Amino acid sequence: MKGMTNNQIIMSEAAKLDPATLHAIATAHHTAAQIEALAAQITVTEDDGTQHPGTTHDAEIMLAASELHTFDYWKKEGKSVKLHEKALIECYLWKYTTKPSKAQREAAEAEGKEAAPDPHYYPTKSHLFSCLQVQDSKPAPAARFSSTAEIIAYNKKLAAERKAAAKAAAEQADTKNALDVLKQTECKAKAAFLAVPETDRKAQAEALSAWRKARQDIAAAEKPAEPTTKPAPEIIPAGVTDKKPGGWKKCSFYAICTTPQNPTNHAEKRDGYTDGVFNYYALHLGKATIWYAVHPAYGVSIGPGQNSRSAAKTAAFELLESVAKMEKTPSERLKNCAAMVAAAQNA
């Protein structure tokens, strides 16, 4: 375990699963053709430096490892472990903390001081479940948020609603006062009309006209005001399906990912390349280097990882039709991803 990342530990544990289980997990979200294509791009380097082509089994280990997560991870993804399911893998993974150890706390307490934070990783027993062992859970309550960007946006929305409510209350009070004045004027105009002798036709016509105007003023004041502004439309990031690829250019961008330091989905800066349509970066998993294509606005990976940058580009463009559908009707999860990417870029 020492010197290994959590991803490497999980891949090492996945390799111990029986072939039938590996195959079932790997084929849950990937076709046989995709698995064979990934296997053809894998090069395995042994400890003595010798290399040999990857096999379908190697590809299934890699794909299965990406579908093995802890109970808390699946919960954050809106999934729940099925009833009576038991952990497929039990292993130790690294967990980040800033809490001082018991010895540090006791030493500080003896000196009458408060123990200083001690950032470090420590191994903790973890139980991993595959994608075949979970199901969609009930939607999370509206008051729960998955990112700082969502909390900031929600607070701004509440502040705007409070300000609009206060303004509406003040306008309603002003309207009521004005309406009371108009009603008093209408009562006086009515009394003036009734006081005119029937023989004085001219004065009677003038008084009736004034009474009618007062009634019309009341009706106009009681009529609901037309909305002056329309709700702002929801902002949907621009799509990529109408763009044309160009030459490779180095760039930095944000991708949605998880890390041992922050196991929840968040936007993290990556250095890589762009072809004018998608962004690309490499991830080193043990002896293998895997390239991923990333949507520039949503920060999510397009298709499975590939053995080279060119292969990642080819796989991403084969999924352009699916990307177009995703952009046309993005899910709440994708909208949250776009908000996290936008907030990271603005910061």
Protein backbone atom coordinates (compact mmCIF):
# COMPACT_ATOMS: atom_id res chain seq x y z
CA MET A 1 0.00 0.00 0.00
CA LYS A 2 2.88 2.36 0.75
CA GLY A 3 3.70 4.55 -2.23
CA MET A 4 0.44 3.66 -4.01
CA THR A 5 -2.46 6.01 -4.74
CA ASN A 6 -6.05 5.06 -4.01
CA ASN A 7 -6.66 4.42 -7.72
CA GLN A 8 -3.68 2.08 -7.88
CA ILE A 9 -4.83 0.25 -4.73
CA ILE A 10 -8.33 -0.25 -6.13
CA MET A 11 -6.95 -1.48 -9.47
CA SER A 12 -4.66 -3.91 -7.64
CA GLU A 13 -7.62 -5.25 -5.63
CA ALA A 14 -9.82 -5.46 -8.73
CA ALA A 15 -7.23 -7.68 -10.40
CA LYS A 16 -7.86 -10.26 -7.65
CA LEU A 17 -11.55 -10.65 -8.56
CA ASP A 18 -12.60 -13.72 -10.51
CA PRO A 19 -12.82 -13.22 -14.32
CA ALA A 20 -16.62 -13.66 -14.40
CA THR A 21 -17.15 -10.86 -11.87
CA LEU A 22 -14.68 -8.58 -13.68
CA HIS A 23 -16.43 -9.21 -16.99
CA ALA A 24 -19.88 -8.48 -15.52
CA ILE A 25 -18.76 -5.15 -14.05
CA ALA A 26 -16.77 -4.05 -17.12
CA THR A 27 -19.63 -4.82 -19.52
CA ALA A 28 -22.19 -2.96 -17.41
CA HIS A 29 -21.45 0.29 -19.25
CA HIS A 30 -19.11 -0.80 -22.08
CA THR A 31 -19.62 -2.97 -25.13
CA ALA A 32 -17.37 -5.86 -26.12
CA ALA A 33 -16.04 -3.79 -29.03
CA GLN A 34 -15.09 -0.91 -26.70
CA ILE A 35 -13.31 -3.29 -24.34
CA GLU A 36 -11.35 -4.88 -27.21
CA ALA A 37 -10.45 -1.43 -28.55
CA LEU A 38 -9.13 -0.39 -25.13
CA ALA A 39 -7.18 -3.65 -24.79
CA ALA A 40 -5.50 -3.00 -28.14
CA GLN A 41 -4.23 0.34 -26.84
CA ILE A 42 -2.80 -0.93 -23.54
CA THR A 43 0.90 -1.65 -23.18
CA VAL A 44 1.93 -3.46 -19.98
CA THR A 45 5.43 -2.83 -18.62
CA GLU A 46 6.81 -5.50 -16.29
CA ASP A 47 9.13 -4.84 -13.35
CA ASP A 48 12.15 -5.87 -15.43
CA GLY A 49 11.28 -3.30 -18.10
CA THR A 50 9.91 -5.71 -20.69
CA GLN A 51 6.71 -4.72 -22.43
CA HIS A 52 3.89 -6.69 -24.00
CA PRO A 53 0.48 -5.83 -25.45
CA GLY A 54 -2.49 -5.63 -23.07
CA THR A 55 -5.23 -8.22 -23.09
CA THR A 56 -8.99 -8.05 -22.77
CA HIS A 57 -8.52 -9.12 -19.14
CA ASP A 58 -6.26 -6.08 -18.53
CA ALA A 59 -8.90 -3.79 -20.05
CA GLU A 60 -11.66 -5.33 -17.91
CA ILE A 61 -9.55 -4.83 -14.77
CA MET A 62 -9.10 -1.16 -15.64
CA LEU A 63 -12.80 -0.60 -16.41
CA ALA A 64 -14.00 -2.57 -13.38
CA ALA A 65 -11.71 -0.57 -11.07
CA SER A 66 -13.39 2.64 -12.25
CA GLU A 67 -16.78 1.19 -11.21
CA LEU A 68 -15.75 0.27 -7.63
CA HIS A 69 -16.45 2.86 -4.95
CA THR A 70 -17.26 3.27 -1.27
CA PHE A 71 -20.77 3.57 0.19
CA ASP A 72 -20.30 7.32 0.76
CA TYR A 73 -19.14 7.89 -2.84
CA TRP A 74 -22.20 6.15 -4.29
CA LYS A 75 -24.43 8.11 -1.92
CA LYS A 76 -23.01 11.42 -3.19
CA GLU A 77 -23.71 10.21 -6.75
CA GLY A 78 -27.39 9.68 -5.90
CA LYS A 79 -27.07 5.91 -5.58
CA SER A 80 -27.81 3.51 -2.74
CA VAL A 81 -26.49 0.01 -2.14
CA LYS A 82 -29.12 -2.64 -2.87
CA LEU A 83 -30.65 -4.56 0.02
CA HIS A 84 -28.59 -7.54 1.27
CA GLU A 85 -25.59 -6.61 -0.90
CA LYS A 86 -22.19 -7.03 0.74
CA ALA A 87 -18.96 -5.23 -0.10
CA LEU A 88 -17.18 -6.80 -3.05
CA ILE A 89 -13.76 -5.63 -1.84
CA GLU A 90 -12.44 -4.80 1.62
CA CYS A 91 -9.14 -2.90 1.62
CA TYR A 92 -7.31 0.03 3.14
CA LEU A 93 -7.44 3.39 1.32
CA TRP A 94 -5.79 6.70 2.12
CA LYS A 95 -7.92 9.34 3.85
CA TYR A 96 -6.94 12.99 4.38
CA THR A 97 -7.28 14.78 7.71
CA THR A 98 -5.93 17.85 9.50
CA LYS A 99 -6.72 16.58 13.01
CA PRO A 100 -3.75 16.16 15.36
CA SER A 101 -3.07 12.74 16.83
CA LYS A 102 -4.09 11.73 20.35
CA ALA A 103 -0.48 12.07 21.54
CA GLN A 104 -0.25 15.58 20.05
CA ARG A 105 -3.51 16.62 21.72
CA GLU A 106 -2.42 15.26 25.11
CA ALA A 107 1.00 16.96 24.85
CA ALA A 108 -0.61 20.30 23.96
CA GLU A 109 -3.16 19.92 26.76
CA ALA A 110 -0.36 19.30 29.26
CA GLU A 111 1.23 22.58 28.17
CA GLY A 112 -2.09 24.39 28.37
CA LYS A 113 -2.18 24.96 24.64
CA GLU A 114 -4.41 23.94 21.77
CA ALA A 115 -3.00 21.30 19.46
CA ALA A 116 -2.04 22.66 16.04
CA PRO A 117 -3.57 21.12 12.90
CA ASP A 118 -1.58 18.21 11.46
CA PRO A 119 -2.42 17.68 7.75
CA HIS A 120 -1.69 14.08 6.76
CA TYR A 121 -3.04 10.92 5.13
CA TYR A 122 -3.82 7.80 7.09
CA PRO A 123 -4.98 4.34 5.98
CA THR A 124 -8.58 3.46 6.81
CA LYS A 125 -10.49 0.27 6.16
CA SER A 126 -12.83 0.78 3.18
CA HIS A 127 -15.59 -1.33 1.69
CA LEU A 128 -16.08 -1.11 -2.08
CA PHE A 129 -19.26 -1.84 -4.02
CA SER A 130 -19.53 -2.19 -7.79
CA CYS A 131 -21.99 -0.42 -10.09
CA LEU A 132 -23.98 -3.67 -10.23
CA GLN A 133 -24.65 -3.47 -6.49
CA VAL A 134 -26.24 -0.01 -6.40
CA GLN A 135 -29.43 1.60 -7.62
CA ASP A 136 -30.89 5.09 -7.97
CA SER A 137 -31.86 6.47 -4.58
CA LYS A 138 -34.45 9.07 -3.70
CA PRO A 139 -33.57 12.63 -4.79
CA ALA A 140 -31.55 14.53 -2.21
CA PRO A 141 -33.46 17.20 -0.24
CA ALA A 142 -33.49 20.63 -1.86
CA ALA A 143 -31.56 22.09 1.08
CA ARG A 144 -28.50 19.92 0.45
CA PHE A 145 -25.73 21.13 -1.84
CA SER A 146 -22.87 19.36 -3.57
CA SER A 147 -20.56 22.36 -4.06
CA THR A 148 -19.67 25.82 -2.78
CA ALA A 149 -20.85 27.30 -6.08
CA GLU A 150 -24.37 25.96 -5.49
CA ILE A 151 -24.46 27.42 -1.96
CA ILE A 152 -23.36 30.85 -3.23
CA ALA A 153 -25.95 30.78 -6.03
CA TYR A 154 -28.69 29.73 -3.59
CA ASN A 155 -27.81 32.52 -1.12
CA LYS A 156 -27.88 35.09 -3.92
CA LYS A 157 -31.31 33.79 -4.98
CA LEU A 158 -32.65 34.12 -1.41
CA ALA A 159 -31.27 37.65 -1.09
CA ALA A 160 -32.91 38.67 -4.38
CA GLU A 161 -36.23 37.14 -3.30
CA ARG A 162 -36.14 38.98 0.06
CA LYS A 163 -35.35 42.27 -1.67
CA ALA A 164 -38.17 41.76 -4.19
CA ALA A 165 -40.63 40.86 -1.39
CA ALA A 166 -39.74 44.00 0.59
CA LYS A 167 -40.16 46.15 -2.52
CA ALA A 168 -43.51 44.52 -3.32
CA ALA A 169 -44.74 45.09 0.26
CA ALA A 170 -43.77 48.77 0.09
CA GLU A 171 -45.47 49.18 -3.29
CA GLN A 172 -48.58 47.42 -1.98
CA ALA A 173 -48.73 49.80 1.00
CA ASP A 174 -48.37 52.83 -1.30
CA THR A 175 -51.08 51.41 -3.59
CA LYS A 176 -53.46 50.91 -0.65
CA ASN A 177 -52.97 54.48 0.54
CA ALA A 178 -53.52 55.85 -2.97
CA LEU A 179 -56.63 53.66 -3.38
CA ASP A 180 -58.09 55.01 -0.10
CA VAL A 181 -57.66 58.58 -1.39
CA LEU A 182 -59.37 57.68 -4.70
CA LYS A 183 -62.31 56.09 -2.86
CA GLN A 184 -62.75 59.21 -0.74
CA THR A 185 -62.71 61.30 -3.94
CA GLU A 186 -65.33 58.99 -5.50
CA CYS A 187 -67.60 59.34 -2.44
CA LYS A 188 -67.37 63.14 -2.63
CA ALA A 189 -68.09 63.09 -6.40
CA LYS A 190 -71.13 60.87 -5.82
CA ALA A 191 -72.43 63.15 -3.08
CA ALA A 192 -71.88 66.18 -5.31
CA PHE A 193 -73.85 64.54 -8.12
CA LEU A 194 -76.77 63.64 -5.84
CA ALA A 195 -76.85 67.20 -4.48
CA VAL A 196 -77.40 68.79 -7.94
CA PRO A 197 -81.08 69.66 -8.58
CA GLU A 198 -82.67 67.61 -11.38
CA THR A 199 -83.70 70.84 -13.09
CA ASP A 200 -80.05 71.92 -13.53
CA ARG A 201 -79.13 69.60 -16.42
CA LYS A 202 -75.77 71.19 -17.18
CA ALA A 203 -74.49 70.99 -13.61
CA GLN A 204 -75.87 67.48 -13.31
CA ALA A 205 -73.94 66.35 -16.44
CA GLU A 206 -70.71 67.87 -15.12
CA ALA A 207 -71.12 66.21 -11.71
CA LEU A 208 -71.92 62.84 -13.34
CA SER A 209 -68.81 63.09 -15.51
CA ALA A 210 -66.66 63.78 -12.44
CA TRP A 211 -68.23 60.83 -10.60
CA ARG A 212 -67.60 58.50 -13.56
CA LYS A 213 -63.94 59.60 -13.75
CA ALA A 214 -63.48 58.90 -10.04
CA ARG A 215 -64.91 55.40 -10.48
CA GLN A 216 -62.65 54.78 -13.49
CA ASP A 217 -59.62 55.89 -11.46
CA ILE A 218 -60.51 53.33 -8.76
CA ALA A 219 -60.93 50.53 -11.34
CA ALA A 220 -57.56 51.38 -12.91
CA ALA A 221 -55.86 51.39 -9.50
CA GLU A 222 -57.37 48.01 -8.55
CA LYS A 223 -56.30 46.39 -11.83
CA PRO A 224 -53.21 44.12 -11.34
CA ALA A 225 -50.06 45.70 -12.72
CA GLU A 226 -48.48 44.06 -15.77
CA PRO A 227 -45.10 42.49 -15.01
CA THR A 228 -42.30 44.79 -16.13
CA THR A 229 -39.62 42.13 -16.21
CA LYS A 230 -39.56 38.51 -17.25
CA PRO A 231 -37.69 35.78 -15.37
CA ALA A 232 -34.12 35.42 -16.56
CA PRO A 233 -33.74 32.34 -18.76
CA GLU A 234 -31.62 29.48 -17.47
CA ILE A 235 -28.07 29.70 -18.76
CA ILE A 236 -27.02 26.59 -20.69
CA PRO A 237 -23.35 26.34 -21.69
CA ALA A 238 -22.56 26.55 -25.38
CA GLY A 239 -22.36 23.23 -27.22
CA VAL A 240 -19.39 21.72 -29.01
CA THR A 241 -21.16 19.79 -31.75
CA ASP A 242 -21.09 22.78 -34.12
CA LYS A 243 -17.34 23.33 -33.71
CA LYS A 244 -14.63 22.04 -36.04
CA PRO A 245 -11.43 20.46 -34.70
CA GLY A 246 -8.12 22.13 -35.39
CA GLY A 247 -4.49 21.50 -34.50
CA TRP A 248 -3.27 20.51 -31.03
CA LYS A 249 -2.66 23.38 -28.61
CA LYS A 250 -1.43 23.27 -25.03
CA CYS A 251 -3.91 24.67 -22.52
CA SER A 252 -5.12 24.58 -18.93
CA PHE A 253 -8.75 23.81 -18.09
CA TYR A 254 -11.03 22.47 -15.37
CA ALA A 255 -12.32 18.90 -15.16
CA ILE A 256 -14.80 17.35 -12.74
CA CYS A 257 -13.02 14.78 -10.59
CA THR A 258 -12.48 13.36 -7.11
CA THR A 259 -9.23 13.15 -5.14
CA PRO A 260 -8.19 11.65 -1.79
CA GLN A 261 -8.11 15.21 -0.40
CA ASN A 262 -11.62 15.95 -1.72
CA PRO A 263 -13.66 12.79 -2.39
CA THR A 264 -16.72 14.76 -3.59
CA ASN A 265 -17.18 15.89 -7.19
CA HIS A 266 -15.34 19.18 -7.73
CA ALA A 267 -13.65 21.17 -10.51
CA GLU A 268 -9.88 20.70 -10.61
CA LYS A 269 -7.41 22.46 -12.90
CA ARG A 270 -5.68 20.25 -15.47
CA ASP A 271 -2.83 20.94 -17.88
CA GLY A 272 -3.24 19.29 -21.25
CA TYR A 273 -4.26 19.96 -24.83
CA THR A 274 -7.24 21.09 -26.90
CA ASP A 275 -8.22 20.48 -30.50
CA GLY A 276 -10.75 23.34 -30.49
CA VAL A 277 -13.63 21.02 -29.57
CA PHE A 278 -12.66 18.91 -26.53
CA ASN A 279 -9.91 19.19 -23.92
CA TYR A 280 -7.51 16.29 -23.24
CA TYR A 281 -5.31 15.27 -20.30
CA ALA A 282 -3.30 12.21 -19.25
CA LEU A 283 -3.72 10.25 -16.02
CA HIS A 284 -0.97 7.89 -14.87
CA LEU A 285 -2.38 4.71 -13.28
CA GLY A 286 0.47 2.47 -12.22
CA LYS A 287 2.37 1.46 -15.34
CA ALA A 288 -0.34 2.63 -17.73
CA THR A 289 -0.97 6.14 -19.06
CA ILE A 290 -4.63 6.81 -19.84
CA TRP A 291 -5.85 9.80 -21.85
CA TYR A 292 -9.28 11.36 -21.31
CA ALA A 293 -11.34 13.71 -23.48
CA VAL A 294 -13.22 16.36 -21.47
CA HIS A 295 -16.19 18.57 -22.37
CA PRO A 296 -14.93 22.19 -22.05
CA ALA A 297 -18.11 23.55 -20.43
CA TYR A 298 -19.33 20.64 -18.28
CA GLY A 299 -15.88 19.27 -17.34
CA VAL A 300 -17.02 15.63 -17.67
CA SER A 301 -15.17 12.89 -19.53
CA ILE A 302 -16.42 11.89 -22.98
CA GLY A 303 -16.14 8.11 -23.29
CA PRO A 304 -13.72 5.74 -21.52
CA GLY A 305 -10.01 6.45 -21.10
CA GLN A 306 -7.70 5.58 -23.98
CA ASN A 307 -4.04 4.64 -24.37
CA SER A 308 -3.12 7.72 -26.41
CA ARG A 309 -4.30 11.27 -27.01
CA SER A 310 -5.28 10.52 -30.61
CA ALA A 311 -7.30 7.48 -29.53
CA ALA A 312 -9.12 9.59 -26.92
CA LYS A 313 -9.96 12.11 -29.64
CA THR A 314 -11.27 9.41 -31.99
CA ALA A 315 -13.42 7.87 -29.23
CA ALA A 316 -14.84 11.28 -28.25
CA PHE A 317 -15.82 12.19 -31.80
CA GLU A 318 -17.52 8.82 -32.23
CA LEU A 319 -19.82 9.91 -29.39
CA LEU A 320 -20.68 13.34 -30.87
CA GLU A 321 -24.32 12.33 -31.40
CA SER A 322 -24.66 11.41 -27.72
CA VAL A 323 -22.90 14.64 -26.72
CA ALA A 324 -25.40 16.64 -28.80
CA LYS A 325 -28.32 14.99 -26.95
CA MET A 326 -26.61 15.67 -23.62
CA GLU A 327 -26.17 19.35 -24.49
CA LYS A 328 -29.77 19.69 -25.68
CA THR A 329 -31.32 18.40 -22.44
CA PRO A 330 -28.64 18.50 -19.71
CA SER A 331 -29.48 16.72 -16.46
CA GLU A 332 -29.37 18.43 -13.06
CA ARG A 333 -26.04 16.68 -12.41
CA LEU A 334 -24.55 18.16 -15.61
CA LYS A 335 -25.89 21.61 -14.76
CA ASN A 336 -24.20 21.34 -11.36
CA CYS A 337 -20.96 20.32 -13.10
CA ALA A 338 -21.19 23.34 -15.41
CA ALA A 339 -21.78 25.60 -12.39
CA MET A 340 -18.69 24.19 -10.64
CA VAL A 341 -16.53 24.69 -13.77
CA ALA A 342 -17.81 28.26 -14.24
CA ALA A 343 -17.22 29.12 -10.56
CA ALA A 344 -13.66 27.72 -10.71
CA GLN A 345 -12.91 29.69 -13.87
CA ASN A 346 -14.29 32.92 -12.37
CA ALA A 347 -12.26 32.41 -9.20
